[in-house]
N, C-alpha and C. Protein backbone atom coordinates (compact mmCIF):
# COMPACT_ATOMS: atom_id res chain seq x y z
N MET A 1 0.84 -1.52 0.11
CA MET A 1 -0.19 -0.03 -0.08
C MET A 1 0.93 1.32 -0.01
N PRO A 2 0.72 2.16 -0.73
CA PRO A 2 1.48 3.47 -0.84
C PRO A 2 1.18 4.19 0.31
N GLU A 3 2.37 4.81 0.65
CA GLU A 3 2.46 5.76 1.93
C GLU A 3 1.65 7.22 1.46
N PHE A 4 0.84 7.28 2.47
CA PHE A 4 0.44 9.10 2.45
C PHE A 4 0.65 9.57 3.69
N THR A 5 0.42 11.12 3.45
CA THR A 5 0.68 11.85 4.73
C THR A 5 -0.73 12.72 4.98
N TYR A 6 -0.96 12.87 6.23
CA TYR A 6 -2.04 13.82 6.63
C TYR A 6 -1.71 14.63 7.83
N GLU A 7 -2.25 15.75 7.76
CA GLU A 7 -2.39 16.87 8.96
C GLU A 7 -3.59 17.23 9.18
N ILE A 8 -4.10 17.11 10.25
CA ILE A 8 -5.43 17.53 10.58
C ILE A 8 -5.25 19.55 11.03
N VAL A 9 -5.86 19.89 10.11
CA VAL A 9 -5.88 21.44 10.06
C VAL A 9 -6.77 21.78 10.98
N GLU A 10 -7.64 21.54 11.62
CA GLU A 10 -8.44 22.17 12.07
C GLU A 10 -9.57 20.75 12.56
N SER A 11 -9.84 20.70 13.80
CA SER A 11 -10.61 19.50 14.21
C SER A 11 -11.95 20.21 14.64
N ILE A 12 -13.05 20.07 13.90
CA ILE A 12 -14.03 20.76 14.03
C ILE A 12 -15.00 19.93 14.90
N GLY A 13 -15.10 18.49 15.01
CA GLY A 13 -16.10 17.95 16.29
C GLY A 13 -16.14 16.58 16.29
N VAL A 14 -16.17 16.31 17.66
CA VAL A 14 -16.66 14.57 17.57
C VAL A 14 -17.97 14.31 17.89
N LEU A 15 -18.01 13.45 16.56
CA LEU A 15 -19.68 13.08 16.40
C LEU A 15 -20.03 11.97 17.42
N SER A 16 -18.99 10.62 17.76
CA SER A 16 -19.48 9.80 18.63
C SER A 16 -18.17 9.13 19.23
N GLU A 17 -18.45 8.36 19.99
CA GLU A 17 -17.43 7.49 20.69
C GLU A 17 -17.55 6.47 21.13
N ASN A 18 -16.92 5.15 20.48
CA ASN A 18 -17.37 3.83 20.91
C ASN A 18 -16.34 3.31 22.09
N PRO A 19 -17.06 2.40 22.72
CA PRO A 19 -16.62 1.87 24.07
C PRO A 19 -14.73 1.81 24.10
N LYS A 20 -14.23 1.29 22.92
CA LYS A 20 -12.77 1.31 22.51
C LYS A 20 -11.90 2.44 22.70
N GLY A 21 -12.64 3.76 22.91
CA GLY A 21 -12.26 5.26 22.37
C GLY A 21 -11.90 5.33 21.28
N TRP A 22 -12.30 4.86 20.19
CA TRP A 22 -12.69 5.54 18.66
C TRP A 22 -13.40 6.34 18.73
N THR A 23 -13.34 7.75 18.24
CA THR A 23 -13.93 8.93 17.87
C THR A 23 -14.34 8.91 16.43
N LYS A 24 -15.69 9.19 15.98
CA LYS A 24 -15.64 9.54 14.97
C LYS A 24 -15.98 11.06 14.78
N GLU A 25 -15.17 11.64 13.99
CA GLU A 25 -15.07 13.23 13.71
C GLU A 25 -14.84 13.78 12.27
N LEU A 26 -15.27 14.99 12.70
CA LEU A 26 -15.49 15.82 11.46
C LEU A 26 -13.91 16.69 11.91
N ASN A 27 -13.01 16.24 10.80
CA ASN A 27 -12.13 17.35 10.58
C ASN A 27 -12.00 17.93 9.50
N LEU A 28 -10.76 19.30 9.50
CA LEU A 28 -10.42 19.54 8.11
C LEU A 28 -8.95 18.89 7.99
N ILE A 29 -8.71 18.29 6.86
CA ILE A 29 -7.64 17.53 6.84
C ILE A 29 -6.82 17.76 5.45
N SER A 30 -5.42 18.12 5.61
CA SER A 30 -4.47 18.04 4.51
C SER A 30 -3.87 16.86 4.20
N TRP A 31 -4.28 16.12 3.02
CA TRP A 31 -3.91 14.77 2.72
C TRP A 31 -2.54 14.95 1.58
N ASN A 32 -1.69 14.29 2.04
CA ASN A 32 -0.53 14.50 0.92
C ASN A 32 0.13 15.75 0.63
N GLY A 33 -0.38 16.99 1.87
CA GLY A 33 0.03 18.54 1.27
C GLY A 33 -0.61 18.71 0.38
N ARG A 34 -1.78 18.33 0.19
CA ARG A 34 -2.46 19.45 -0.65
C ARG A 34 -3.72 20.11 0.25
N GLU A 35 -4.60 20.69 -0.76
CA GLU A 35 -5.38 21.81 -0.17
C GLU A 35 -6.71 20.83 0.95
N PRO A 36 -6.79 21.73 2.02
CA PRO A 36 -7.60 20.69 3.11
C PRO A 36 -8.66 20.44 2.65
N LYS A 37 -9.47 19.48 2.87
CA LYS A 37 -11.09 19.06 2.91
C LYS A 37 -11.65 18.61 4.14
N TYR A 38 -12.88 18.90 4.12
CA TYR A 38 -13.61 18.16 5.30
C TYR A 38 -13.58 16.39 5.02
N ASP A 39 -13.42 16.07 6.57
CA ASP A 39 -13.27 14.50 6.29
C ASP A 39 -13.95 13.91 7.49
N ILE A 40 -15.22 13.16 7.31
CA ILE A 40 -15.37 12.38 8.14
C ILE A 40 -14.93 11.06 8.39
N ARG A 41 -14.52 10.35 9.53
CA ARG A 41 -14.02 8.96 9.83
C ARG A 41 -13.56 8.88 11.38
N GLU A 42 -13.48 7.42 11.73
CA GLU A 42 -13.42 7.15 13.02
C GLU A 42 -11.63 7.35 13.23
N TRP A 43 -11.21 7.47 14.19
CA TRP A 43 -9.86 7.49 14.73
C TRP A 43 -9.63 6.98 16.20
N ALA A 44 -8.46 6.34 16.13
CA ALA A 44 -8.02 5.74 17.29
C ALA A 44 -7.76 7.02 18.20
N PRO A 45 -7.44 6.87 19.58
CA PRO A 45 -7.32 7.74 20.71
C PRO A 45 -6.55 8.67 20.42
N ASP A 46 -4.80 8.37 19.98
CA ASP A 46 -3.55 8.91 19.40
C ASP A 46 -3.89 9.34 18.03
N HIS A 47 -4.73 9.25 17.11
CA HIS A 47 -4.88 9.64 15.63
C HIS A 47 -3.89 9.04 15.14
N GLU A 48 -3.35 8.05 15.48
CA GLU A 48 -2.22 7.08 14.65
C GLU A 48 -2.74 6.23 14.02
N LYS A 49 -4.09 5.55 14.18
CA LYS A 49 -4.65 4.75 12.96
C LYS A 49 -5.97 5.27 13.01
N MET A 50 -6.62 5.24 11.44
CA MET A 50 -7.98 5.73 11.22
C MET A 50 -8.95 4.42 10.57
N GLY A 51 -10.15 5.04 10.47
CA GLY A 51 -10.84 3.71 9.78
C GLY A 51 -11.17 4.41 8.33
N LYS A 52 -11.89 3.99 7.27
CA LYS A 52 -12.38 4.69 6.33
C LYS A 52 -13.54 5.45 6.58
N GLY A 53 -13.64 6.34 5.60
CA GLY A 53 -14.05 7.58 5.55
C GLY A 53 -14.38 8.15 4.43
N VAL A 54 -15.01 9.25 4.41
CA VAL A 54 -15.71 10.34 3.61
C VAL A 54 -14.85 11.76 3.52
N THR A 55 -14.12 12.00 2.53
CA THR A 55 -13.65 13.21 2.39
C THR A 55 -14.51 14.33 1.61
N LEU A 56 -14.71 15.49 2.05
CA LEU A 56 -15.90 16.39 0.92
C LEU A 56 -15.23 17.64 0.39
N SER A 57 -15.21 18.11 -0.63
CA SER A 57 -14.58 19.08 -0.83
C SER A 57 -15.26 20.49 -0.02
N LYS A 58 -15.28 21.46 -0.27
CA LYS A 58 -16.00 22.67 0.18
C LYS A 58 -17.29 23.04 -0.24
N ASP A 59 -17.38 22.63 -1.34
CA ASP A 59 -18.73 22.54 -2.52
C ASP A 59 -19.71 21.31 -1.91
N GLU A 60 -19.06 20.32 -1.72
CA GLU A 60 -19.25 19.29 -1.08
C GLU A 60 -20.07 19.28 0.31
N MET A 61 -19.27 19.79 1.01
CA MET A 61 -19.77 20.02 2.29
C MET A 61 -20.78 21.16 2.45
N ALA A 62 -20.91 21.90 1.68
CA ALA A 62 -21.95 23.22 1.59
C ALA A 62 -23.49 22.41 0.86
N ALA A 63 -23.20 21.72 0.20
CA ALA A 63 -24.15 20.92 -0.42
C ALA A 63 -25.05 20.00 0.73
N LEU A 64 -23.99 19.50 1.56
CA LEU A 64 -24.43 18.07 2.70
C LEU A 64 -25.02 19.36 3.76
N GLN A 65 -24.31 20.30 3.86
CA GLN A 65 -25.32 21.15 5.39
C GLN A 65 -26.63 21.60 4.40
N GLU A 66 -26.66 21.90 3.25
CA GLU A 66 -28.10 22.58 2.77
C GLU A 66 -28.91 21.01 3.04
N ALA A 67 -28.58 19.53 2.41
CA ALA A 67 -29.40 18.45 2.98
C ALA A 67 -29.89 18.49 4.38
N VAL A 68 -28.96 18.23 5.19
CA VAL A 68 -29.38 18.13 6.45
C VAL A 68 -30.25 19.53 7.12
N LYS A 69 -29.98 20.38 6.15
CA LYS A 69 -31.22 21.32 7.01
C LYS A 69 -32.34 21.10 6.33
N ASN A 70 -32.61 20.59 5.45
CA ASN A 70 -33.95 20.05 5.01
C ASN A 70 -34.45 18.64 5.44
N LEU A 71 -33.90 18.34 6.51
CA LEU A 71 -34.24 16.71 6.88
C LEU A 71 -35.55 17.11 7.71
N LYS A 72 -36.40 16.29 7.86
CA LYS A 72 -37.86 16.26 8.36
C LYS A 72 -37.82 15.31 9.46
């Protein structure tokens, strides 16, 4: 598997935590030195391990915000 780097530029919020201490978080992350994107995924307590997640551009995040506003 190819190496990659990441930097959590901004921790926006913790959405949940499981009994083992892993947290599902919304963060702004720079992957491989690129422009930061919004990211939702599970993280180990030390942020050294991560689960699969979803990465969103600024436009995609705006669309998600609008969709959430329209929930009934």
